[in-house]
Amino acid sequence: QVQLVESGGGLVQPGGSLRLSCAASGFTFSRYAMNWYRQAPGKERELVAGITSGSGTINYADFVKGRFTISRDNAKNTVYLQMNSLKPEDTAVYYCNARTIIPAPGYEYAYWGQGTQVTVSS
């Protein structure tokens, strides 16, 4: 059973920090690029950050550059999102996504976690 389980969300004051984790299981984590998306109420889901399977390429949305850091530990099958200098507009459900160009037989191009709530409020 393929699973992506996010954790680390919660309530934080503006300017504070949170570290999100996404633990993967049931597939070969090292073959997949990993991404963080977020979705705020009434808005479309948007890409926050992405990292390739070997961490060779990292991309960030403009609205988080300089504040968020994505990283992965293939030995632990885990991807992280360190979020600093949080703003109220960062409030959203954050989703972990795994994506590959050529999946192994019986596997999918992409998988999604269930999300973790991040609320930034004073």
Protein backbone atom coordinates (compact mmCIF):
# COMPACT_ATOMS: atom_id res chain seq x y z
CA GLN A 1 0.00 0.00 0.00
CA VAL A 2 1.45 3.32 -1.10
CA GLN A 3 1.29 6.00 1.57
CA LEU A 4 2.45 9.56 1.98
CA VAL A 5 1.85 10.81 5.51
CA GLU A 6 2.39 14.47 6.34
CA SER A 7 3.08 15.72 9.84
CA GLY A 8 4.32 18.82 11.62
CA GLY A 9 1.50 21.22 10.88
CA GLY A 10 -0.19 23.31 13.51
CA LEU A 11 -0.87 26.81 14.77
CA VAL A 12 1.96 29.33 14.78
CA GLN A 13 2.24 33.09 15.17
CA PRO A 14 3.35 35.32 12.30
CA GLY A 15 7.13 35.25 12.03
CA GLY A 16 7.30 31.80 13.53
CA SER A 17 8.55 28.53 12.08
CA LEU A 18 7.30 25.04 11.39
CA ARG A 19 8.92 21.96 9.91
CA LEU A 20 6.72 19.66 7.88
CA SER A 21 7.61 16.05 7.24
CA CYS A 22 6.25 13.58 4.71
CA ALA A 23 6.97 9.92 5.31
CA ALA A 24 6.65 7.68 2.25
CA SER A 25 6.10 3.94 2.07
CA GLY A 26 4.99 1.28 -0.38
CA PHE A 27 7.05 2.46 -3.35
CA THR A 28 10.64 3.23 -4.27
CA PHE A 29 10.99 6.70 -2.83
CA SER A 30 14.37 7.35 -4.43
CA ARG A 31 12.87 7.10 -7.94
CA TYR A 32 10.41 9.93 -7.36
CA ALA A 33 10.75 13.66 -7.33
CA MET A 34 9.01 15.12 -4.29
CA ASN A 35 6.92 18.25 -4.06
CA TRP A 36 4.99 20.28 -1.54
CA TYR A 37 1.72 21.88 -2.57
CA ARG A 38 -0.71 23.93 -0.55
CA GLN A 39 -4.34 24.89 -0.80
CA ALA A 40 -6.04 27.69 1.08
CA PRO A 41 -9.82 27.95 1.49
CA GLY A 42 -11.45 29.12 -1.73
CA LYS A 43 -8.21 28.92 -3.69
CA GLU A 44 -6.65 26.44 -6.10
CA ARG A 45 -3.87 24.12 -5.07
CA GLU A 46 -0.47 25.63 -5.80
CA LEU A 47 3.07 24.31 -5.95
CA VAL A 48 5.25 25.45 -3.06
CA ALA A 49 8.53 23.62 -3.66
CA GLY A 50 9.96 20.63 -5.49
CA ILE A 51 13.09 18.51 -5.28
CA THR A 52 14.38 15.86 -7.69
CA SER A 53 15.14 12.31 -6.67
CA GLY A 54 18.83 12.95 -6.03
CA SER A 55 18.33 16.51 -4.73
CA GLY A 56 20.08 17.83 -7.84
CA THR A 57 17.38 20.32 -8.72
CA ILE A 58 15.28 22.34 -6.30
CA ASN A 59 12.59 24.84 -7.19
CA TYR A 60 10.51 27.21 -5.10
CA ALA A 61 7.48 29.30 -5.73
CA ASP A 62 8.31 33.01 -5.66
CA PHE A 63 6.14 33.60 -2.62
CA VAL A 64 8.29 31.33 -0.42
CA LYS A 65 11.80 31.97 -1.72
CA GLY A 66 14.14 32.88 1.11
CA ARG A 67 11.70 31.62 3.72
CA PHE A 68 11.08 27.93 3.00
CA THR A 69 13.56 25.10 2.42
CA ILE A 70 12.77 21.71 0.92
CA SER A 71 15.02 18.73 1.55
CA ARG A 72 14.85 14.95 1.40
CA ASP A 73 16.46 11.97 3.07
CA ASN A 74 16.20 8.96 0.78
CA ALA A 75 17.51 6.66 3.50
CA LYS A 76 14.50 7.63 5.61
CA ASN A 77 12.01 7.88 2.72
CA THR A 78 11.13 11.34 3.96
CA VAL A 79 10.85 14.81 2.47
CA TYR A 80 10.82 17.95 4.61
CA LEU A 81 9.67 21.52 4.32
CA GLN A 82 11.26 23.96 6.74
CA MET A 83 9.07 27.05 6.93
CA ASN A 84 10.44 30.23 8.49
CA SER A 85 9.12 33.78 8.74
CA LEU A 86 5.60 32.51 8.35
CA LYS A 87 2.87 34.89 7.28
CA PRO A 88 -0.90 34.69 7.71
CA GLU A 89 -1.21 34.15 3.96
CA ASP A 90 0.77 30.92 4.36
CA THR A 91 -2.27 29.44 6.08
CA ALA A 92 -3.33 26.40 4.07
CA VAL A 93 -3.44 22.65 3.95
CA TYR A 94 -0.03 21.45 2.83
CA TYR A 95 0.17 18.34 0.68
CA CYS A 96 3.06 16.03 -0.09
CA ASN A 97 3.34 14.80 -3.69
CA ALA A 98 5.56 12.14 -5.27
CA ARG A 99 6.09 12.17 -9.04
CA THR A 100 8.08 10.15 -11.55
CA ILE A 101 8.40 10.25 -15.34
CA ILE A 102 8.53 6.48 -15.82
CA PRO A 103 6.86 4.49 -13.07
CA ALA A 104 7.71 0.86 -12.46
CA PRO A 105 5.09 -1.69 -13.59
CA GLY A 106 2.09 -1.55 -11.30
CA TYR A 107 2.92 1.90 -9.96
CA GLU A 108 1.58 5.36 -10.69
CA TYR A 109 3.12 8.54 -12.05
CA ALA A 110 2.13 10.42 -8.93
CA TYR A 111 0.93 9.96 -5.37
CA TRP A 112 -0.57 12.39 -2.89
CA GLY A 113 -0.73 12.62 0.87
CA GLN A 114 -3.82 13.62 2.82
CA GLY A 115 -2.41 16.97 3.89
CA THR A 116 -1.55 18.73 7.11
CA GLN A 117 -3.06 22.00 8.30
CA VAL A 118 -0.84 25.03 8.81
CA THR A 119 -2.43 28.04 10.46
CA VAL A 120 -0.53 31.30 10.90
CA SER A 121 -2.37 33.69 13.16
CA SER A 122 -1.79 36.06 16.05
